[in-house]
Amino acid sequence: MILSGGGAGGVATFLWADYIKEHFLSQNTEFWAIPDGGYLIDIMNVKTSKLLLRQEVMNLLNITNEFVALPNNKCTNIYYGESLWKCIFA
């Protein structure tokens, strides 16, 4: 099986590959995750001095946290509370 995506789909490939392999595939299934892109630049807003992409990811988590479970439990065991956004930041 090949999991792939481009742009934001590349980020999703990074975020979901381990989860998909662990929960949906048998041990005998050959699995490849091939992200195409997924390189996003975290630039600083010159007016607010905040990193834009990081702030957008934090906002996304705050908006969806009640409805969407994060895919990587290993990450959420390390980062929680104010740092939980790091688990969806590629």
C-alpha atoms as a PDB file:
ATOM      1  CA  MET A   1       0.000   0.000   0.000  1.00  0.00           C
ATOM      2  CA  ILE A   2       1.214   3.513  -0.764  1.00  0.00           C
ATOM      3  CA  LEU A   3      -0.009   6.545   1.142  1.00  0.00           C
ATOM      4  CA  SER A   4       0.782   9.801  -0.601  1.00  0.00           C
ATOM      5  CA  GLY A   5      -0.280  13.408  -0.888  1.00  0.00           C
ATOM      6  CA  GLY A   6       0.933  16.720  -2.216  1.00  0.00           C
ATOM      7  CA  GLY A   7       1.123  20.093  -0.465  1.00  0.00           C
ATOM      8  CA  ALA A   8      -1.158  19.914   2.565  1.00  0.00           C
ATOM      9  CA  GLY A   9      -1.706  16.243   1.659  1.00  0.00           C
ATOM     10  CA  GLY A  10       2.042  15.768   2.107  1.00  0.00           C
ATOM     11  CA  VAL A  11       1.688  17.083   5.644  1.00  0.00           C
ATOM     12  CA  ALA A  12      -1.267  14.730   6.195  1.00  0.00           C
ATOM     13  CA  THR A  13       0.884  11.842   4.950  1.00  0.00           C
ATOM     14  CA  PHE A  14       3.490  12.653   7.596  1.00  0.00           C
ATOM     15  CA  LEU A  15       0.856  12.967  10.317  1.00  0.00           C
ATOM     16  CA  TRP A  16      -1.246   9.875   9.559  1.00  0.00           C
ATOM     17  CA  ALA A  17       1.188   7.252   8.189  1.00  0.00           C
ATOM     18  CA  ASP A  18       2.016   5.555  11.501  1.00  0.00           C
ATOM     19  CA  TYR A  19      -1.605   5.541  12.613  1.00  0.00           C
ATOM     20  CA  ILE A  20      -2.834   3.966   9.371  1.00  0.00           C
ATOM     21  CA  LYS A  21      -0.118   1.321   9.421  1.00  0.00           C
ATOM     22  CA  GLU A  22      -0.765   0.389  13.060  1.00  0.00           C
ATOM     23  CA  HIS A  23      -4.572   0.328  12.912  1.00  0.00           C
ATOM     24  CA  PHE A  24      -5.607  -0.724   9.405  1.00  0.00           C
ATOM     25  CA  LEU A  25      -2.897  -2.896   7.881  1.00  0.00           C
ATOM     26  CA  SER A  26      -1.764  -6.427   8.648  1.00  0.00           C
ATOM     27  CA  GLN A  27       1.864  -7.131   9.527  1.00  0.00           C
ATOM     28  CA  ASN A  28       2.338  -8.715   6.089  1.00  0.00           C
ATOM     29  CA  THR A  29       1.245  -5.620   4.160  1.00  0.00           C
ATOM     30  CA  GLU A  30       4.088  -3.736   2.532  1.00  0.00           C
ATOM     31  CA  PHE A  31       3.477  -0.061   3.287  1.00  0.00           C
ATOM     32  CA  TRP A  32       5.128   3.075   1.958  1.00  0.00           C
ATOM     33  CA  ALA A  33       4.394   6.699   2.902  1.00  0.00           C
ATOM     34  CA  ILE A  34       5.521   9.082   0.172  1.00  0.00           C
ATOM     35  CA  PRO A  35       4.735  12.733   0.923  1.00  0.00           C
ATOM     36  CA  ASP A  36       5.093  15.054  -2.050  1.00  0.00           C
ATOM     37  CA  GLY A  37       5.718  18.474  -0.608  1.00  0.00           C
ATOM     38  CA  GLY A  38       4.494  19.318   2.821  1.00  0.00           C
ATOM     39  CA  TYR A  39       7.209  21.918   3.314  1.00  0.00           C
ATOM     40  CA  LEU A  40       5.518  24.897   4.895  1.00  0.00           C
ATOM     41  CA  ILE A  41       7.392  28.012   5.941  1.00  0.00           C
ATOM     42  CA  ASP A  42       6.728  29.448   9.385  1.00  0.00           C
ATOM     43  CA  ILE A  43       7.340  33.140   8.660  1.00  0.00           C
ATOM     44  CA  MET A  44       7.038  35.969  11.151  1.00  0.00           C
ATOM     45  CA  ASN A  45       4.290  38.559  10.961  1.00  0.00           C
ATOM     46  CA  VAL A  46       6.175  41.863  11.097  1.00  0.00           C
ATOM     47  CA  LYS A  47       3.289  43.641  12.836  1.00  0.00           C
ATOM     48  CA  THR A  48       2.658  41.109  15.617  1.00  0.00           C
ATOM     49  CA  SER A  49       6.069  39.348  15.766  1.00  0.00           C
ATOM     50  CA  LYS A  50       4.212  36.009  15.831  1.00  0.00           C
ATOM     51  CA  LEU A  51       5.099  33.075  13.604  1.00  0.00           C
ATOM     52  CA  LEU A  52       2.177  32.818  11.175  1.00  0.00           C
ATOM     53  CA  LEU A  53       2.005  29.110  10.392  1.00  0.00           C
ATOM     54  CA  ARG A  54       2.537  28.163  14.020  1.00  0.00           C
ATOM     55  CA  GLN A  55      -0.273  30.505  15.066  1.00  0.00           C
ATOM     56  CA  GLU A  56      -2.582  29.062  12.397  1.00  0.00           C
ATOM     57  CA  VAL A  57      -1.862  25.525  13.604  1.00  0.00           C
ATOM     58  CA  MET A  58      -2.572  26.564  17.199  1.00  0.00           C
ATOM     59  CA  ASN A  59      -5.841  28.187  16.095  1.00  0.00           C
ATOM     60  CA  LEU A  60      -6.811  25.072  14.108  1.00  0.00           C
ATOM     61  CA  LEU A  61      -6.229  22.881  17.143  1.00  0.00           C
ATOM     62  CA  ASN A  62      -8.268  25.200  19.368  1.00  0.00           C
ATOM     63  CA  ILE A  63     -11.155  25.193  16.897  1.00  0.00           C
ATOM     64  CA  THR A  64     -11.199  21.433  16.192  1.00  0.00           C
ATOM     65  CA  ASN A  65      -9.887  19.941  19.425  1.00  0.00           C
ATOM     66  CA  GLU A  66     -13.340  18.975  20.650  1.00  0.00           C
ATOM     67  CA  PHE A  67     -14.235  17.179  17.427  1.00  0.00           C
ATOM     68  CA  VAL A  68     -11.045  15.625  16.024  1.00  0.00           C
ATOM     69  CA  ALA A  69      -8.689  13.201  17.764  1.00  0.00           C
ATOM     70  CA  LEU A  70      -5.007  13.711  17.046  1.00  0.00           C
ATOM     71  CA  PRO A  71      -3.471  10.792  15.145  1.00  0.00           C
ATOM     72  CA  ASN A  72      -0.221  10.285  17.037  1.00  0.00           C
ATOM     73  CA  ASN A  73      -0.601   9.079  20.628  1.00  0.00           C
ATOM     74  CA  LYS A  74       3.175   8.935  21.102  1.00  0.00           C
ATOM     75  CA  CYS A  75       3.314  12.642  20.391  1.00  0.00           C
ATOM     76  CA  THR A  76       0.362  13.533  22.585  1.00  0.00           C
ATOM     77  CA  ASN A  77       2.001  11.680  25.471  1.00  0.00           C
ATOM     78  CA  ILE A  78       5.035  13.958  25.136  1.00  0.00           C
ATOM     79  CA  TYR A  79       3.286  17.242  24.319  1.00  0.00           C
ATOM     80  CA  TYR A  80       0.066  18.239  26.024  1.00  0.00           C
ATOM     81  CA  GLY A  81      -1.732  21.360  27.155  1.00  0.00           C
ATOM     82  CA  GLU A  82      -0.228  24.482  25.604  1.00  0.00           C
ATOM     83  CA  SER A  83       2.277  22.414  23.559  1.00  0.00           C
ATOM     84  CA  LEU A  84      -0.227  19.997  21.998  1.00  0.00           C
ATOM     85  CA  TRP A  85      -0.130  21.978  18.727  1.00  0.00           C
ATOM     86  CA  LYS A  86       3.321  20.470  18.086  1.00  0.00           C
ATOM     87  CA  CYS A  87       1.628  17.136  17.315  1.00  0.00           C
ATOM     88  CA  ILE A  88      -0.032  18.541  14.192  1.00  0.00           C
ATOM     89  CA  PHE A  89       2.837  20.785  13.129  1.00  0.00           C
ATOM     90  CA  ALA A  90       4.748  18.998  10.394  1.00  0.00           C
END
